[in-house]
Protein backbone atom coordinates (compact mmCIF):
# COMPACT_ATOMS: atom_id res chain seq x y z
CA MET A 1 220.27 253.62 5.49
CA LYS A 2 223.81 254.08 4.21
CA ARG A 3 224.17 254.25 0.45
CA PRO A 4 226.17 251.38 -1.02
CA PRO A 5 229.22 252.46 -3.00
CA PRO A 6 228.66 252.64 -6.77
CA THR A 7 231.14 249.84 -7.41
CA ASP A 8 228.82 246.83 -7.17
CA ALA A 9 229.42 244.78 -10.34
CA ALA A 10 226.10 242.93 -9.98
CA ALA A 11 224.16 246.21 -9.80
CA LEU A 12 226.06 247.56 -12.81
CA LYS A 13 225.24 244.40 -14.76
CA ARG A 14 221.57 244.79 -13.76
CA LEU A 15 221.62 248.42 -14.89
CA TYR A 16 222.63 247.50 -18.43
CA ALA A 17 220.88 244.10 -18.69
CA LYS A 18 217.72 245.33 -20.45
CA SER A 19 219.26 248.29 -22.27
CA SER A 20 219.74 248.55 -26.00
CA VAL A 21 222.50 250.31 -27.94
CA GLN A 22 221.26 252.67 -30.65
CA PRO A 23 223.05 253.67 -33.89
CA ASN A 24 223.57 257.21 -32.50
CA GLY A 25 225.48 255.81 -29.49
CA CYS A 26 222.65 256.15 -26.98
CA VAL A 27 222.15 253.23 -24.62
CA LEU A 28 218.40 253.21 -23.96
CA TRP A 29 217.05 252.09 -20.61
CA GLY A 30 214.57 249.25 -21.12
CA LYS A 31 212.89 248.82 -17.75
CA ALA A 32 210.74 251.03 -15.50
CA VAL A 33 210.12 254.58 -16.71
CA ARG A 34 208.95 257.46 -14.53
CA THR A 35 206.13 259.75 -15.61
CA ASP A 36 208.71 262.40 -16.61
CA GLY A 37 210.21 260.01 -19.18
CA TYR A 38 213.41 259.14 -17.31
CA GLY A 39 214.35 255.58 -16.41
CA GLN A 40 213.98 254.36 -12.85
CA PHE A 41 216.58 252.00 -11.32
CA ALA A 42 216.43 250.21 -7.97
CA VAL A 43 219.96 250.41 -6.55
CA THR A 44 218.74 248.42 -3.57
CA PRO A 45 215.22 247.13 -2.85
CA THR A 46 214.54 250.30 -0.84
CA TRP A 47 216.57 252.86 -2.79
CA VAL A 48 215.32 253.90 -6.24
CA MET A 49 216.90 256.60 -8.38
CA GLY A 50 217.03 257.79 -11.96
CA ALA A 51 218.74 255.24 -14.22
CA HIS A 52 220.84 258.01 -15.79
CA ARG A 53 222.06 259.13 -12.34
CA ALA A 54 222.99 255.56 -11.48
CA ALA A 55 224.80 255.10 -14.80
CA LEU A 56 226.91 258.22 -14.25
CA ALA A 57 227.61 257.23 -10.64
CA TYR A 58 228.90 253.81 -11.66
CA HIS A 59 231.04 255.48 -14.34
CA LEU A 60 232.48 258.08 -11.93
CA GLY A 61 232.78 255.73 -8.97
CA ARG A 62 230.79 258.10 -6.72
CA TRP A 63 227.21 259.23 -6.27
CA PRO A 64 226.29 262.70 -7.58
CA ALA A 65 225.98 265.17 -4.72
CA ALA A 66 222.53 266.26 -3.58
CA GLY A 67 221.27 269.10 -5.75
CA VAL A 68 223.57 268.20 -8.64
CA LEU A 69 221.76 267.35 -11.87
CA VAL A 70 222.81 264.74 -14.42
CA LEU A 71 222.59 266.34 -17.86
CA HIS A 72 222.27 264.55 -21.21
CA SER A 73 224.33 265.78 -24.18
CA CYS A 74 222.05 263.67 -26.42
CA ASP A 75 218.79 265.08 -24.97
CA THR A 76 217.38 261.55 -24.69
CA PRO A 77 215.86 261.00 -21.23
CA LEU A 78 216.15 257.20 -21.45
CA CYS A 79 219.84 257.27 -22.42
CA ILE A 80 222.19 255.78 -19.81
CA ASN A 81 225.40 255.95 -21.85
CA PRO A 82 227.84 257.57 -19.39
CA THR A 83 229.69 259.31 -22.23
CA HIS A 84 226.43 261.21 -22.96
CA LEU A 85 226.02 262.24 -19.30
CA ARG A 86 227.64 264.90 -17.15
CA GLU A 87 227.04 266.60 -13.83
CA GLY A 88 225.73 270.14 -13.83
CA THR A 89 223.68 272.74 -12.03
CA ASN A 90 220.17 273.93 -12.78
CA ALA A 91 221.75 277.00 -14.42
CA ASP A 92 223.87 274.71 -16.66
CA ASN A 93 220.71 272.84 -17.65
CA ALA A 94 218.87 276.09 -18.46
CA ARG A 95 221.82 277.39 -20.53
CA ASP A 96 221.94 274.09 -22.44
CA ARG A 97 218.16 274.25 -23.05
CA ASN A 98 218.37 277.82 -24.30
CA ARG A 99 221.42 277.16 -26.50
CA LYS A 100 219.57 274.25 -28.14
CA ARG A 101 216.37 276.34 -28.38
CA ARG A 102 214.35 273.67 -26.55
CA GLN A 103 212.42 276.06 -24.31
CA ALA A 104 208.70 276.33 -24.91
CA ARG A 105 208.01 279.29 -27.18
CA GLY A 106 205.00 280.58 -29.03
CA ALA A 107 201.93 278.36 -28.98
CA ARG A 108 203.89 275.59 -27.20
CA HIS A 109 204.32 277.81 -24.15
CA GLY A 110 201.99 276.72 -21.36
CA ARG A 111 200.53 280.20 -20.88
CA ALA A 112 200.15 281.09 -24.57
CA LYS A 113 196.75 282.51 -25.50
CA LEU A 114 197.44 282.94 -29.21
CA THR A 115 198.48 280.72 -32.09
CA ALA A 116 201.10 281.57 -34.71
CA ALA A 117 198.29 282.18 -37.24
CA GLN A 118 196.61 284.68 -34.89
CA VAL A 119 199.90 286.51 -34.35
CA PHE A 120 200.36 286.73 -38.13
CA GLN A 121 196.83 288.13 -38.42
CA ILE A 122 197.53 290.65 -35.62
CA ARG A 123 200.62 291.91 -37.45
CA ILE A 124 198.63 292.31 -40.65
CA LEU A 125 195.90 294.26 -38.83
CA LEU A 126 198.47 296.54 -37.19
CA ALA A 127 200.21 297.11 -40.55
CA GLN A 128 196.82 298.09 -42.00
CA GLY A 129 196.57 300.79 -39.33
CA LYS A 130 194.05 299.13 -36.97
CA HIS A 131 194.17 300.41 -33.40
CA ALA A 132 195.84 298.15 -30.86
CA GLU A 133 192.85 298.45 -28.49
CA ALA A 134 190.42 297.15 -31.12
CA VAL A 135 192.78 294.30 -32.08
CA ALA A 136 193.27 293.43 -28.41
CA ALA A 137 189.52 293.29 -27.81
CA HIS A 138 189.05 291.06 -30.87
CA PHE A 139 191.68 288.55 -29.69
CA ASN A 140 190.82 288.88 -25.98
CA VAL A 141 194.33 289.94 -24.92
CA SER A 142 195.73 293.18 -23.54
CA ARG A 143 196.68 296.21 -25.61
CA ARG A 144 200.21 295.83 -24.23
CA THR A 145 200.39 292.30 -25.63
CA ILE A 146 199.28 293.56 -29.04
CA ASN A 147 201.89 296.34 -28.95
CA ARG A 148 204.63 293.89 -27.92
CA ILE A 149 203.63 291.56 -30.78
CA GLY A 150 203.70 294.50 -33.20
CA ASN A 151 207.14 295.56 -31.95
CA LYS A 152 208.35 291.93 -32.16
CA GLN A 153 209.10 291.82 -28.45
CA LEU A 154 206.77 288.81 -28.33
CA TRP A 155 206.52 286.11 -30.98
CA ARG A 156 209.73 287.13 -32.75
């Protein structure tokens, strides 16, 4: 099926029909939401895409190329305000995430085995002269992990 051009006034009206303008300038999508928190918009009955991608496409007058991401300057997944959206690469998205310090760190990291309180306790034990191997055994992590925590290479 050929994609319709992003100039259909009726589709654009449908896109913004159930949206609400927020004091911060975000225009929040008010219909279907995907499990990842982004809005879902049916461009045609058989073609569904992210509401933010559709909003930017209607603003630009063209569909984003395959593999191109639509990034939010407001970091609000439901926002469809085209002035808050821009095209970018995965690398652009990662740089933006890192610059805003939104990456999972510490206990929020999916593979974290320790809490911030445990890391604090580890540093105290190391400062008291306890051996890294004994501390590692107590917290059920490797000696290398304990050394990296002590050297502030982990959990800075």
